[in-house]
N, C-alpha and C. Protein backbone atom coordinates (compact mmCIF):
# COMPACT_ATOMS: atom_id res chain seq x y z
N MET A 1 29.66 121.79 173.14
CA MET A 1 28.00 120.38 172.83
C MET A 1 27.97 119.65 173.88
N LYS A 2 27.18 119.64 174.32
CA LYS A 2 26.53 119.30 175.51
C LYS A 2 26.52 117.59 175.47
N GLU A 3 27.30 116.51 176.54
CA GLU A 3 26.83 115.27 176.47
C GLU A 3 25.99 114.54 176.29
N GLN A 4 25.15 113.96 175.88
CA GLN A 4 24.16 114.06 175.15
C GLN A 4 23.56 112.42 176.32
N GLU A 5 22.71 111.95 176.71
CA GLU A 5 22.63 110.72 177.66
C GLU A 5 21.26 110.08 176.75
N VAL A 6 21.37 108.38 176.66
CA VAL A 6 20.22 107.67 176.03
C VAL A 6 20.56 106.35 176.60
N LYS A 7 18.88 106.51 177.00
CA LYS A 7 18.90 104.99 177.83
C LYS A 7 19.97 104.95 178.65
N GLY A 8 20.48 105.34 179.44
CA GLY A 8 21.40 105.47 180.54
C GLY A 8 22.98 105.16 180.07
N TYR A 9 23.24 105.59 178.78
CA TYR A 9 24.13 105.62 178.14
C TYR A 9 24.78 106.83 178.00
N GLN A 10 26.11 107.90 178.95
CA GLN A 10 26.66 109.05 178.68
C GLN A 10 27.32 108.60 177.61
N ARG A 11 27.62 109.40 176.57
CA ARG A 11 28.82 109.36 175.64
C ARG A 11 30.09 110.25 176.46
N LYS A 12 31.42 109.55 176.47
CA LYS A 12 32.10 110.83 176.38
C LYS A 12 33.19 110.97 175.56
N THR A 13 33.12 112.13 175.37
CA THR A 13 34.02 112.52 174.59
C THR A 13 35.55 112.50 174.17
N GLN A 14 36.09 112.27 173.80
CA GLN A 14 37.40 111.64 173.12
C GLN A 14 38.43 112.74 173.84
N LYS A 15 39.45 111.64 174.74
CA LYS A 15 40.57 112.60 176.04
C LYS A 15 41.65 112.85 174.65
N ASP A 16 42.57 113.45 174.30
CA ASP A 16 44.24 113.61 174.75
C ASP A 16 45.06 113.59 175.87
N TYR A 17 45.96 112.52 176.03
CA TYR A 17 46.61 112.22 176.89
C TYR A 17 48.10 112.81 176.61
N SER A 18 48.55 112.77 177.63
CA SER A 18 50.03 113.86 177.44
C SER A 18 51.22 112.66 177.52
N LEU A 19 51.99 112.73 176.56
CA LEU A 19 53.42 111.69 176.31
C LEU A 19 53.46 111.07 177.75
N ALA A 20 53.98 111.74 179.12
CA ALA A 20 54.42 111.35 180.14
C ALA A 20 53.51 110.63 181.01
N PHE A 21 51.94 110.74 180.49
CA PHE A 21 50.92 109.49 180.95
C PHE A 21 51.25 108.47 180.02
N LYS A 22 50.71 108.55 179.14
CA LYS A 22 51.16 107.22 177.91
C LYS A 22 52.43 106.40 178.13
N LEU A 23 53.48 107.49 178.29
CA LEU A 23 54.74 106.12 178.99
C LEU A 23 54.64 105.91 180.42
N GLU A 24 54.10 106.14 181.06
CA GLU A 24 53.67 105.98 182.79
C GLU A 24 52.97 104.87 182.75
N ILE A 25 51.73 104.11 181.39
CA ILE A 25 51.25 103.42 181.02
C ILE A 25 51.52 102.39 180.69
N VAL A 26 52.58 102.60 179.63
CA VAL A 26 52.61 101.57 179.18
C VAL A 26 54.21 100.72 179.98
N ASP A 27 55.10 101.63 180.66
CA ASP A 27 55.92 100.76 181.73
C ASP A 27 55.29 100.43 182.44
N ALA A 28 54.28 100.76 183.08
CA ALA A 28 53.99 99.91 183.82
C ALA A 28 53.15 98.28 183.37
N VAL A 29 52.55 98.22 182.62
CA VAL A 29 52.34 96.72 181.93
C VAL A 29 53.38 96.14 180.81
N GLU A 30 54.17 97.50 180.78
CA GLU A 30 55.57 96.55 180.59
C GLU A 30 56.35 95.86 181.75
N LYS A 31 56.68 96.34 182.93
CA LYS A 31 56.77 95.87 183.47
C LYS A 31 56.27 94.29 184.46
N GLY A 32 54.63 94.49 184.62
CA GLY A 32 54.20 93.64 184.60
C GLY A 32 53.20 94.10 185.49
N GLU A 33 52.49 95.35 186.02
CA GLU A 33 52.66 95.63 187.02
C GLU A 33 51.04 95.75 187.32
N LEU A 34 50.63 95.46 185.36
CA LEU A 34 49.36 96.29 185.22
C LEU A 34 48.81 95.07 183.48
N THR A 35 47.81 94.49 183.47
CA THR A 35 47.79 94.35 182.28
C THR A 35 47.35 95.08 181.33
N TYR A 36 47.59 95.19 179.71
CA TYR A 36 46.74 96.45 179.33
C TYR A 36 45.55 96.60 179.25
N LYS A 37 44.55 96.09 179.44
CA LYS A 37 43.21 96.02 179.86
C LYS A 37 42.51 96.73 181.57
N GLN A 38 44.00 95.93 181.86
CA GLN A 38 43.67 96.83 183.50
C GLN A 38 43.93 97.96 183.73
N ALA A 39 45.03 98.56 182.95
CA ALA A 39 45.09 100.11 182.64
C ALA A 39 44.15 100.66 182.01
N GLN A 40 43.39 100.25 181.18
CA GLN A 40 42.62 100.60 180.33
C GLN A 40 41.19 101.11 181.78
N PHE A 41 41.03 100.10 182.48
CA PHE A 41 40.31 99.91 183.65
C PHE A 41 40.43 101.77 184.40
N ARG A 42 41.17 100.71 184.37
CA ARG A 42 42.16 101.51 186.10
C ARG A 42 41.89 103.12 185.99
N TYR A 43 42.74 103.50 184.77
CA TYR A 43 42.68 104.96 184.23
C TYR A 43 41.54 105.46 183.34
N GLY A 44 40.73 105.15 183.12
CA GLY A 44 38.95 105.63 182.38
C GLY A 44 39.34 105.89 180.81
N ILE A 45 40.40 104.78 180.32
CA ILE A 45 40.70 105.10 178.84
C ILE A 45 39.51 104.57 178.04
N GLN A 46 38.93 104.86 177.05
CA GLN A 46 38.24 104.59 176.80
C GLN A 46 37.85 103.42 175.57
N GLY A 47 39.10 104.29 175.09
CA GLY A 47 39.11 103.22 173.32
C GLY A 47 39.55 101.75 174.24
N ARG A 48 39.24 100.56 173.32
CA ARG A 48 39.68 99.03 173.22
C ARG A 48 41.21 99.11 172.27
N SER A 49 41.53 99.76 171.74
CA SER A 49 43.36 99.96 171.67
C SER A 49 43.70 100.62 171.68
N THR A 50 43.25 101.90 172.34
CA THR A 50 44.41 102.95 173.14
C THR A 50 46.12 102.30 173.61
N VAL A 51 45.38 101.26 174.96
CA VAL A 51 46.95 101.70 174.76
C VAL A 51 47.57 100.02 174.12
N LEU A 52 46.78 99.62 173.34
CA LEU A 52 47.50 98.66 173.29
C LEU A 52 48.94 99.61 171.45
N VAL A 53 48.01 100.19 171.02
CA VAL A 53 48.65 101.60 170.28
C VAL A 53 49.75 102.12 171.22
N TRP A 54 49.19 102.43 172.16
CA TRP A 54 50.59 103.09 172.90
C TRP A 54 51.67 101.84 173.01
N LEU A 55 51.65 101.00 173.04
CA LEU A 55 52.76 99.97 173.85
C LEU A 55 53.18 99.41 172.59
N ARG A 56 52.66 99.72 171.09
CA ARG A 56 53.29 99.04 169.94
C ARG A 56 53.70 100.56 169.44
N LYS A 57 54.06 101.69 170.01
CA LYS A 57 53.79 103.04 169.44
C LYS A 57 55.01 103.24 170.44
N HIS A 58 55.11 102.85 171.25
CA HIS A 58 55.89 103.69 172.26
C HIS A 58 57.09 102.48 172.99
N GLY A 59 56.21 101.51 173.43
CA GLY A 59 56.80 100.35 174.27
C GLY A 59 58.66 100.03 173.44
N ARG A 60 59.14 98.80 174.45
CA ARG A 60 60.35 98.48 174.22
C ARG A 60 60.17 96.95 173.56
N LEU A 61 59.00 96.36 174.32
CA LEU A 61 58.86 95.13 173.98
C LEU A 61 58.31 94.68 172.28
N ASP A 62 58.21 93.50 172.07
CA ASP A 62 57.41 93.81 170.68
C ASP A 62 55.61 93.32 170.61
N TRP A 63 54.94 94.05 170.95
CA TRP A 63 53.57 93.83 171.28
C TRP A 63 53.12 94.03 169.65
N LYS A 64 53.07 93.63 168.51
CA LYS A 64 52.41 92.78 167.66
C LYS A 64 51.92 91.49 167.74
N GLU A 65 51.79 90.77 168.30
CA GLU A 65 51.33 89.21 168.20
C GLU A 65 50.60 89.74 169.82
N SER A 66 49.29 89.72 169.29
CA SER A 66 48.41 89.51 170.70
C SER A 66 48.50 88.70 171.49
N GLU A 67 48.52 87.67 170.73
CA GLU A 67 48.35 85.88 170.89
C GLU A 67 49.25 85.80 172.24
N ALA A 68 50.35 86.57 171.74
CA ALA A 68 52.05 85.98 172.36
C ALA A 68 51.55 87.45 173.54
N MET A 69 51.23 88.17 173.28
CA MET A 69 51.59 88.97 174.95
C MET A 69 50.02 88.27 175.91
N LYS A 70 49.06 87.59 175.14
CA LYS A 70 47.87 87.11 176.34
C LYS A 70 48.33 85.72 176.97
N ARG A 71 49.64 84.62 176.30
CA ARG A 71 50.12 83.37 177.47
C ARG A 71 51.44 84.41 177.89
N ASP A 72 51.92 84.85 177.41
CA ASP A 72 53.27 85.12 178.05
C ASP A 72 53.21 86.47 179.03
N THR A 73 53.01 85.76 180.67
CA THR A 73 52.50 86.94 181.59
C THR A 73 54.21 86.37 182.48
N PRO A 74 54.64 87.24 183.35
CA PRO A 74 55.93 87.72 183.54
C PRO A 74 55.45 86.80 184.90
N ASN A 75 54.12 86.35 185.73
CA ASN A 75 54.14 85.17 186.52
C ASN A 75 54.55 83.93 185.86
N LYS A 76 53.87 83.38 184.29
CA LYS A 76 53.74 82.31 183.97
C LYS A 76 55.12 82.26 183.60
N LYS A 77 56.11 82.74 183.36
CA LYS A 77 57.08 82.99 182.42
C LYS A 77 58.43 82.25 183.71
N ILE A 78 57.85 83.17 184.61
CA ILE A 78 58.89 83.07 186.04
C ILE A 78 59.10 81.03 186.69
N ARG A 79 57.24 80.53 186.05
CA ARG A 79 56.94 79.88 186.38
C ARG A 79 57.47 78.69 185.73
N GLU A 80 57.77 79.12 183.88
CA GLU A 80 58.17 77.80 183.17
C GLU A 80 59.96 78.24 183.64
N LEU A 81 60.06 78.85 184.02
CA LEU A 81 62.18 79.07 184.22
C LEU A 81 62.50 78.51 185.46
N GLU A 82 61.44 78.87 186.61
CA GLU A 82 61.52 77.37 187.45
C GLU A 82 61.67 75.71 187.50
N LYS A 83 60.82 75.44 186.35
CA LYS A 83 60.11 73.93 185.89
C LYS A 83 61.66 73.88 184.98
N LYS A 84 62.10 74.65 184.64
CA LYS A 84 63.61 74.79 183.63
C LYS A 84 65.07 74.28 184.74
N LEU A 85 64.45 75.26 185.65
CA LEU A 85 65.86 74.91 186.08
C LEU A 85 65.83 73.95 187.32
N LYS A 86 64.35 73.00 188.14
CA LYS A 86 64.37 72.36 188.03
C LYS A 86 65.11 71.16 187.64
N ARG A 87 64.54 70.63 186.37
CA ARG A 87 64.86 69.81 185.35
C ARG A 87 66.52 69.97 185.04
N LEU A 88 66.76 71.35 185.31
CA LEU A 88 67.99 71.36 184.61
C LEU A 88 69.09 70.53 186.18
N GLU A 89 68.45 71.30 187.49
CA GLU A 89 69.20 70.34 188.48
C GLU A 89 69.44 69.02 188.79
N GLN A 90 68.56 68.46 188.18
CA GLN A 90 67.95 67.24 188.68
C GLN A 90 68.80 66.35 187.04
N GLU A 91 68.72 67.03 185.26
CA GLU A 91 69.85 66.47 185.45
C GLU A 91 71.27 66.67 185.70
N LYS A 92 71.83 66.87 186.33
CA LYS A 92 73.13 67.95 186.88
C LYS A 92 73.00 66.21 188.05
N GLU A 93 72.54 66.20 188.47
CA GLU A 93 72.45 65.51 189.66
C GLU A 93 72.47 63.94 189.22
N VAL A 94 71.68 63.68 188.00
CA VAL A 94 72.15 62.45 186.79
C VAL A 94 73.43 61.96 186.39
N LEU A 95 73.47 63.54 185.88
CA LEU A 95 75.10 63.69 185.29
C LEU A 95 75.99 63.19 186.83
N ASN A 96 76.22 63.50 187.22
CA ASN A 96 76.66 62.97 189.15
C ASN A 96 77.05 62.38 189.15
N ARG A 97 76.22 61.63 189.16
CA ARG A 97 76.09 60.28 189.68
C ARG A 97 76.41 59.17 188.55
N ALA A 98 76.19 59.22 187.29
CA ALA A 98 76.67 58.63 186.06
C ALA A 98 78.35 58.52 186.22
N ILE A 99 79.27 60.37 186.45
CA ILE A 99 80.32 59.81 186.84
C ILE A 99 81.03 59.01 188.22
N ASP A 100 80.03 59.75 188.96
CA ASP A 100 80.69 58.68 190.57
C ASP A 100 80.36 56.93 189.92
N ILE A 101 79.80 56.51 188.93
CA ILE A 101 79.39 55.32 188.81
C ILE A 101 80.60 55.24 188.04
N ALA A 102 80.80 55.92 186.83
CA ALA A 102 81.73 55.01 186.13
C ALA A 102 83.25 55.55 186.83
N ASP A 103 83.73 55.94 187.20
CA ASP A 103 84.95 56.60 188.62
C ASP A 103 85.22 54.99 189.30
N SER A 104 84.22 54.63 189.81
CA SER A 104 83.67 53.71 191.14
C SER A 104 84.05 52.14 189.87
N GLN A 105 84.33 52.55 188.93
CA GLN A 105 83.78 50.66 188.11
C GLN A 105 85.19 50.95 186.75
N LEU A 106 85.57 51.86 186.51
CA LEU A 106 86.80 51.83 185.86
C LEU A 106 87.48 52.46 187.00
N ASN A 107 87.85 52.23 187.92
CA ASN A 107 88.89 53.39 188.43
C ASN A 107 89.69 54.22 187.69
N THR A 108 88.70 54.91 188.12
CA THR A 108 89.38 56.87 187.26
C THR A 108 88.94 58.23 188.30
N ASP A 109 89.67 58.58 187.70
CA ASP A 109 88.98 60.04 188.78
C ASP A 109 89.17 61.19 187.89
N ILE A 110 87.64 60.89 186.90
CA ILE A 110 86.93 61.56 185.57
C ILE A 110 87.39 63.47 186.19
N ARG A 111 86.82 63.62 187.62
CA ARG A 111 86.88 65.24 187.70
C ARG A 111 87.73 65.89 188.10
N LYS A 112 88.66 64.52 188.66
CA LYS A 112 90.14 65.26 189.00
C LYS A 112 90.93 65.49 187.76
N LYS A 113 90.85 64.73 186.72
CA LYS A 113 91.42 64.70 185.45
C LYS A 113 90.70 66.37 184.97
N TYR A 114 89.34 66.16 184.95
CA TYR A 114 89.16 67.65 184.03
C TYR A 114 89.08 68.54 184.90
N LEU A 115 89.30 68.88 186.08
CA LEU A 115 89.09 70.35 186.70
C LEU A 115 90.93 70.30 187.12
N SER A 116 91.67 69.60 186.48
CA SER A 116 93.11 70.20 186.54
C SER A 116 93.41 70.56 184.91
N LEU A 117 92.91 69.68 183.95
CA LEU A 117 93.24 70.79 182.74
C LEU A 117 92.25 71.81 182.72
N LEU A 118 91.26 71.80 182.96
CA LEU A 118 90.41 73.36 183.01
C LEU A 118 91.62 74.58 183.76
N SER A 119 92.10 73.47 185.03
CA SER A 119 92.89 74.73 185.85
C SER A 119 94.49 75.34 185.25
N GLU A 120 94.57 74.12 184.15
CA GLU A 120 95.39 74.03 183.45
C GLU A 120 95.12 75.14 182.44
N ALA A 121 94.69 75.13 181.77
CA ALA A 121 93.82 76.14 180.59
C ALA A 121 93.88 77.33 181.00
N THR A 122 93.62 77.67 182.59
CA THR A 122 92.60 78.91 182.55
C THR A 122 94.07 79.38 183.07
N GLU A 123 95.28 79.05 183.41
CA GLU A 123 96.28 79.74 183.95
C GLU A 123 96.89 79.98 182.70
N GLN A 124 97.30 78.98 181.45
CA GLN A 124 97.50 79.65 179.98
C GLN A 124 96.77 80.99 179.92
N ALA A 125 95.51 80.89 179.99
CA ALA A 125 94.56 82.52 179.25
C ALA A 125 95.43 83.30 180.18
N GLN A 126 95.60 83.02 181.52
CA GLN A 126 95.33 84.51 182.72
C GLN A 126 97.50 84.92 182.53
N SER A 127 98.22 83.77 181.55
CA SER A 127 99.29 84.56 181.70
C SER A 127 99.58 84.75 180.60
N GLY A 128 98.68 84.58 179.06
CA GLY A 128 98.88 85.46 177.69
C GLY A 128 99.37 84.67 176.98
N ASN A 129 100.22 82.93 177.20
CA ASN A 129 100.31 81.85 176.57
C ASN A 129 99.35 81.66 175.51
N SER A 130 99.93 81.73 174.18
CA SER A 130 98.58 81.68 172.87
C SER A 130 98.38 80.11 172.61
N GLU A 131 99.80 79.46 173.31
CA GLU A 131 99.63 77.87 172.60
C GLU A 131 98.63 77.32 173.67
N PRO A 132 97.55 76.63 173.06
CA PRO A 132 96.21 75.55 173.30
C PRO A 132 96.90 74.43 174.22
N SER A 133 96.39 74.28 174.61
CA SER A 133 96.79 73.27 175.13
C SER A 133 96.36 72.05 175.30
N ASP A 134 95.99 70.42 175.21
CA ASP A 134 95.43 68.90 174.69
C ASP A 134 94.60 69.01 175.20
N LEU A 135 93.53 69.92 175.30
CA LEU A 135 91.68 68.82 176.38
C LEU A 135 91.36 67.26 175.33
């Protein structure tokens, strides 16, 4: 059967894709190298949901929620994790300052006490002593 041309539109026939090809596309999308729409365009895949079907069937990630897929790109996730890391570093700095202030005002050595207790617990765990120390 010949392909028909109607007003500049060329009807294309359905293709059968090999399993290796499908897995290659799924892998590229899951690694974040391409979005599923970019893969569809780059490789000339005609069906709108064909790549999504492959992702659901052969992918290792949960592709059932398309809304989550649109929101969580790898770059966005990296930015969110970098923000979280920065916030945690700031919290750590605040806590360290609070310990320093408490040490100076109360004339104590909180870090030294904690570190000595921690090292004792580590030594007991390594020696196999099952009696817990009073932390």
